[in-house]
């Protein structure tokens, strides 16, 4: 059972897209595992500031 030329082109396109997405995810994973995060400082207590008129 042979594939039609259109079906074959579609299959090849899907395989190329899959390979490109797999490569992109590998790049993203490299960045997310090698990036260090710094915790945020505690919130500022501004209760001592009087509202201006």
PDB file of N, CA and C in Angstrom:
ATOM      1  N   UNK A   1       0.848  -1.179   0.000  1.00  0.00           N
ATOM      2  CA  UNK A   1       0.000   0.000   0.000  1.00  0.00           C
ATOM      3  C   UNK A   1       0.893   1.240   0.000  1.00  0.00           C
ATOM      4  N   UNK A   2       0.871   1.993  -1.088  1.00  0.00           N
ATOM      5  CA  UNK A   2       1.726   3.170  -1.229  1.00  0.00           C
ATOM      6  C   UNK A   2       1.021   4.425  -0.725  1.00  0.00           C
ATOM      7  N   UNK A   3       1.849   5.357  -0.250  1.00  0.00           N
ATOM      8  CA  UNK A   3       1.319   6.650   0.173  1.00  0.00           C
ATOM      9  C   UNK A   3       1.177   7.568  -1.035  1.00  0.00           C
ATOM     10  N   UNK A   4       0.185   8.415  -0.971  1.00  0.00           N
ATOM     11  CA  UNK A   4       0.060   9.429  -2.023  1.00  0.00           C
ATOM     12  C   UNK A   4       1.169  10.464  -1.806  1.00  0.00           C
ATOM     13  N   UNK A   5       1.569  11.165  -2.856  1.00  0.00           N
ATOM     14  CA  UNK A   5       2.621  12.179  -2.697  1.00  0.00           C
ATOM     15  C   UNK A   5       2.261  13.236  -1.649  1.00  0.00           C
ATOM     16  N   UNK A   6       1.004  13.621  -1.596  1.00  0.00           N
ATOM     17  CA  UNK A   6       0.573  14.621  -0.607  1.00  0.00           C
ATOM     18  C   UNK A   6       0.708  14.072   0.809  1.00  0.00           C
ATOM     19  N   UNK A   7       0.316  12.830   0.990  1.00  0.00           N
ATOM     20  CA  UNK A   7       0.404  12.180   2.304  1.00  0.00           C
ATOM     21  C   UNK A   7       1.869  12.040   2.719  1.00  0.00           C
ATOM     22  N   UNK A   8       2.730  11.708   1.785  1.00  0.00           N
ATOM     23  CA  UNK A   8       4.154  11.559   2.062  1.00  0.00           C
ATOM     24  C   UNK A   8       4.764  12.908   2.458  1.00  0.00           C
ATOM     25  N   UNK A   9       4.394  13.981   1.742  1.00  0.00           N
ATOM     26  CA  UNK A   9       4.888  15.321   2.090  1.00  0.00           C
ATOM     27  C   UNK A   9       4.437  15.714   3.487  1.00  0.00           C
ATOM     28  N   UNK A  10       3.193  15.418   3.806  1.00  0.00           N
ATOM     29  CA  UNK A  10       2.642  15.749   5.130  1.00  0.00           C
ATOM     30  C   UNK A  10       3.383  14.993   6.226  1.00  0.00           C
ATOM     31  N   UNK A  11       3.637  13.710   5.986  1.00  0.00           N
ATOM     32  CA  UNK A  11       4.357  12.898   6.977  1.00  0.00           C
ATOM     33  C   UNK A  11       5.759  13.448   7.195  1.00  0.00           C
ATOM     34  N   UNK A  12       6.452  13.812   6.120  1.00  0.00           N
ATOM     35  CA  UNK A  12       7.802  14.364   6.234  1.00  0.00           C
ATOM     36  C   UNK A  12       7.787  15.705   6.964  1.00  0.00           C
ATOM     37  N   UNK A  13       6.758  16.510   6.708  1.00  0.00           N
ATOM     38  CA  UNK A  13       6.629  17.799   7.392  1.00  0.00           C
ATOM     39  C   UNK A  13       6.430  17.596   8.893  1.00  0.00           C
ATOM     40  N   UNK A  14       5.589  16.630   9.250  1.00  0.00           N
ATOM     41  CA  UNK A  14       5.341  16.334  10.663  1.00  0.00           C
ATOM     42  C   UNK A  14       6.626  15.849  11.331  1.00  0.00           C
ATOM     43  N   UNK A  15       7.386  15.006  10.648  1.00  0.00           N
ATOM     44  CA  UNK A  15       8.639  14.511  11.220  1.00  0.00           C
ATOM     45  C   UNK A  15       9.656  15.641  11.397  1.00  0.00           C
ATOM     46  N   UNK A  16       9.737  16.556  10.424  1.00  0.00           N
ATOM     47  CA  UNK A  16      10.647  17.706  10.549  1.00  0.00           C
ATOM     48  C   UNK A  16      10.227  18.605  11.709  1.00  0.00           C
ATOM     49  N   UNK A  17       8.919  18.842  11.827  1.00  0.00           N
ATOM     50  CA  UNK A  17       8.402  19.669  12.923  1.00  0.00           C
ATOM     51  C   UNK A  17       8.709  19.020  14.264  1.00  0.00           C
ATOM     52  N   UNK A  18       8.511  17.723  14.342  1.00  0.00           N
ATOM     53  CA  UNK A  18       8.793  16.988  15.577  1.00  0.00           C
ATOM     54  C   UNK A  18      10.268  17.119  15.958  1.00  0.00           C
ATOM     55  N   UNK A  19      11.154  16.951  14.992  1.00  0.00           N
ATOM     56  CA  UNK A  19      12.588  17.053  15.264  1.00  0.00           C
ATOM     57  C   UNK A  19      12.958  18.462  15.709  1.00  0.00           C
ATOM     58  N   UNK A  20      12.369  19.482  15.076  1.00  0.00           N
ATOM     59  CA  UNK A  20      12.666  20.868  15.442  1.00  0.00           C
ATOM     60  C   UNK A  20      12.175  21.180  16.854  1.00  0.00           C
ATOM     61  N   UNK A  21      10.982  20.707  17.189  1.00  0.00           N
ATOM     62  CA  UNK A  21      10.450  20.946  18.532  1.00  0.00           C
ATOM     63  C   UNK A  21      11.261  20.216  19.592  1.00  0.00           C
ATOM     64  N   UNK A  22      11.695  19.013  19.277  1.00  0.00           N
ATOM     65  CA  UNK A  22      12.511  18.243  20.215  1.00  0.00           C
ATOM     66  C   UNK A  22      13.828  18.968  20.489  1.00  0.00           C
ATOM     67  N   UNK A  23      14.435  19.514  19.434  1.00  0.00           N
ATOM     68  CA  UNK A  23      15.684  20.262  19.588  1.00  0.00           C
ATOM     69  C   UNK A  23      15.449  21.541  20.395  1.00  0.00           C
ATOM     70  N   UNK A  24      14.348  22.235  20.124  1.00  0.00           N
ATOM     71  CA  UNK A  24      14.037  23.464  20.857  1.00  0.00           C
ATOM     72  C   UNK A  24      13.814  23.174  22.336  1.00  0.00           C
ATOM     73  N   UNK A  25      13.133  22.094  22.647  1.00  0.00           N
ATOM     74  CA  UNK A  25      12.909  21.734  24.047  1.00  0.00           C
ATOM     75  C   UNK A  25      14.213  21.389  24.749  1.00  0.00           C
ATOM     76  N   UNK A  26      15.143  20.788  24.035  1.00  0.00           N
ATOM     77  CA  UNK A  26      16.449  20.483  24.623  1.00  0.00           C
ATOM     78  C   UNK A  26      17.187  21.773  24.967  1.00  0.00           C
ATOM     79  N   UNK A  27      17.086  22.783  24.102  1.00  0.00           N
ATOM     80  CA  UNK A  27      17.722  24.077  24.379  1.00  0.00           C
ATOM     81  C   UNK A  27      17.076  24.726  25.596  1.00  0.00           C
ATOM     82  N   UNK A  28      15.753  24.711  25.657  1.00  0.00           N
ATOM     83  CA  UNK A  28      15.041  25.305  26.793  1.00  0.00           C
ATOM     84  C   UNK A  28      15.416  24.577  28.080  1.00  0.00           C
ATOM     85  N   UNK A  29      15.501  23.274  28.040  1.00  0.00           N
ATOM     86  CA  UNK A  29      15.858  22.499  29.228  1.00  0.00           C
ATOM     87  C   UNK A  29      17.258  22.850  29.699  1.00  0.00           C
ATOM     88  N   UNK A  30      18.174  23.104  28.771  1.00  0.00           N
ATOM     89  CA  UNK A  30      19.531  23.495  29.143  1.00  0.00           C
ATOM     90  C   UNK A  30      19.506  24.789  29.928  1.00  0.00           C
ATOM     91  N   UNK A  31      18.729  25.754  29.468  1.00  0.00           N
ATOM     92  CA  UNK A  31      18.663  27.033  30.166  1.00  0.00           C
ATOM     93  C   UNK A  31      17.982  26.904  31.512  1.00  0.00           C
ATOM     94  N   UNK A  32      16.887  26.161  31.592  1.00  0.00           N
ATOM     95  CA  UNK A  32      16.168  26.096  32.856  1.00  0.00           C
ATOM     96  C   UNK A  32      16.917  25.286  33.904  1.00  0.00           C
ATOM     97  N   UNK A  33      17.783  24.385  33.515  1.00  0.00           N
ATOM     98  CA  UNK A  33      18.541  23.639  34.518  1.00  0.00           C
ATOM     99  C   UNK A  33      19.833  24.343  34.895  1.00  0.00           C
ATOM    100  N   UNK A  34      20.310  25.269  34.050  1.00  0.00           N
ATOM    101  CA  UNK A  34      21.574  25.933  34.361  1.00  0.00           C
ATOM    102  C   UNK A  34      21.378  27.351  34.882  1.00  0.00           C
ATOM    103  N   UNK A  35      20.156  27.787  35.009  1.00  0.00           N
ATOM    104  CA  UNK A  35      19.881  29.133  35.504  1.00  0.00           C
ATOM    105  C   UNK A  35      19.632  29.063  37.000  1.00  0.00           C
ATOM    106  N   UNK A  36      20.360  29.885  37.745  1.00  0.00           N
ATOM    107  CA  UNK A  36      20.135  29.893  39.189  1.00  0.00           C
ATOM    108  C   UNK A  36      19.153  31.007  39.527  1.00  0.00           C
ATOM    109  N   UNK A  37      18.374  30.781  40.535  1.00  0.00           N
ATOM    110  CA  UNK A  37      17.392  31.781  40.943  1.00  0.00           C
ATOM    111  C   UNK A  37      17.768  32.329  42.307  1.00  0.00           C
ATOM    112  N   UNK A  38      17.426  33.565  42.527  1.00  0.00           N
ATOM    113  CA  UNK A  38      17.679  34.225  43.803  1.00  0.00           C
ATOM    114  C   UNK A  38      16.330  34.510  44.443  1.00  0.00           C
ATOM    115  N   UNK A  39      16.174  34.172  45.719  1.00  0.00           N
ATOM    116  CA  UNK A  39      14.885  34.439  46.356  1.00  0.00           C
ATOM    117  C   UNK A  39      14.633  35.944  46.464  1.00  0.00           C
ATOM    118  N   UNK A  40      13.385  36.317  46.429  1.00  0.00           N
ATOM    119  CA  UNK A  40      13.017  37.720  46.549  1.00  0.00           C
ATOM    120  C   UNK A  40      13.256  38.208  47.973  1.00  0.00           C
ATOM    121  N   UNK A  41      13.599  39.478  48.138  1.00  0.00           N
ATOM    122  CA  UNK A  41      13.760  40.009  49.495  1.00  0.00           C
ATOM    123  C   UNK A  41      12.396  40.114  50.170  1.00  0.00           C
ATOM    124  N   UNK A  42      12.391  40.253  51.497  1.00  0.00           N
ATOM    125  CA  UNK A  42      11.100  40.367  52.180  1.00  0.00           C
ATOM    126  C   UNK A  42      10.396  41.668  51.773  1.00  0.00           C
ATOM    127  N   UNK A  43       9.088  41.719  51.909  1.00  0.00           N
ATOM    128  CA  UNK A  43       8.365  42.929  51.528  1.00  0.00           C
ATOM    129  C   UNK A  43       8.754  44.110  52.420  1.00  0.00           C
ATOM    130  N   UNK A  44       8.643  45.299  51.868  1.00  0.00           N
ATOM    131  CA  UNK A  44       8.987  46.516  52.607  1.00  0.00           C
ATOM    132  C   UNK A  44       7.822  46.901  53.505  1.00  0.00           C
ATOM    133  N   UNK A  45       8.148  47.236  54.766  1.00  0.00           N
ATOM    134  CA  UNK A  45       7.122  47.695  55.701  1.00  0.00           C
ATOM    135  C   UNK A  45       6.988  49.207  55.555  1.00  0.00           C
ATOM    136  N   UNK A  46       5.927  49.649  54.936  1.00  0.00           N
ATOM    137  CA  UNK A  46       5.723  51.086  54.730  1.00  0.00           C
ATOM    138  C   UNK A  46       4.623  51.634  55.634  1.00  0.00           C
ATOM    139  N   UNK A  47       4.318  50.935  56.714  1.00  0.00           N
ATOM    140  CA  UNK A  47       3.243  51.376  57.604  1.00  0.00           C
ATOM    141  C   UNK A  47       3.609  52.656  58.350  1.00  0.00           C
ATOM    142  N   UNK A  48       4.878  52.967  58.452  1.00  0.00           N
ATOM    143  CA  UNK A  48       5.317  54.166  59.167  1.00  0.00           C
ATOM    144  C   UNK A  48       5.161  55.442  58.337  1.00  0.00           C
ATOM    145  N   UNK A  49       4.907  55.327  57.052  1.00  0.00           N
ATOM    146  CA  UNK A  49       4.767  56.495  56.184  1.00  0.00           C
ATOM    147  C   UNK A  49       3.348  57.052  56.312  1.00  0.00           C
ATOM    148  N   UNK A  50       3.268  58.366  56.601  1.00  0.00           N
ATOM    149  CA  UNK A  50       1.957  59.011  56.698  1.00  0.00           C
ATOM    150  C   UNK A  50       1.493  59.401  55.299  1.00  0.00           C
ATOM    151  N   UNK A  51       0.208  59.211  55.009  1.00  0.00           N
ATOM    152  CA  UNK A  51      -0.285  59.613  53.690  1.00  0.00           C
ATOM    153  C   UNK A  51      -0.211  61.133  53.524  1.00  0.00           C
ATOM    154  N   UNK A  52       0.160  61.602  52.350  1.00  0.00           N
ATOM    155  CA  UNK A  52       0.221  63.046  52.095  1.00  0.00           C
ATOM    156  C   UNK A  52      -1.149  63.557  51.683  1.00  0.00           C
ATOM    157  N   UNK A  53      -1.368  64.848  51.920  1.00  0.00           N
ATOM    158  CA  UNK A  53      -2.678  65.423  51.596  1.00  0.00           C
ATOM    159  C   UNK A  53      -2.712  65.950  50.215  1.00  0.00           C
TER     160      UNK A  53
END
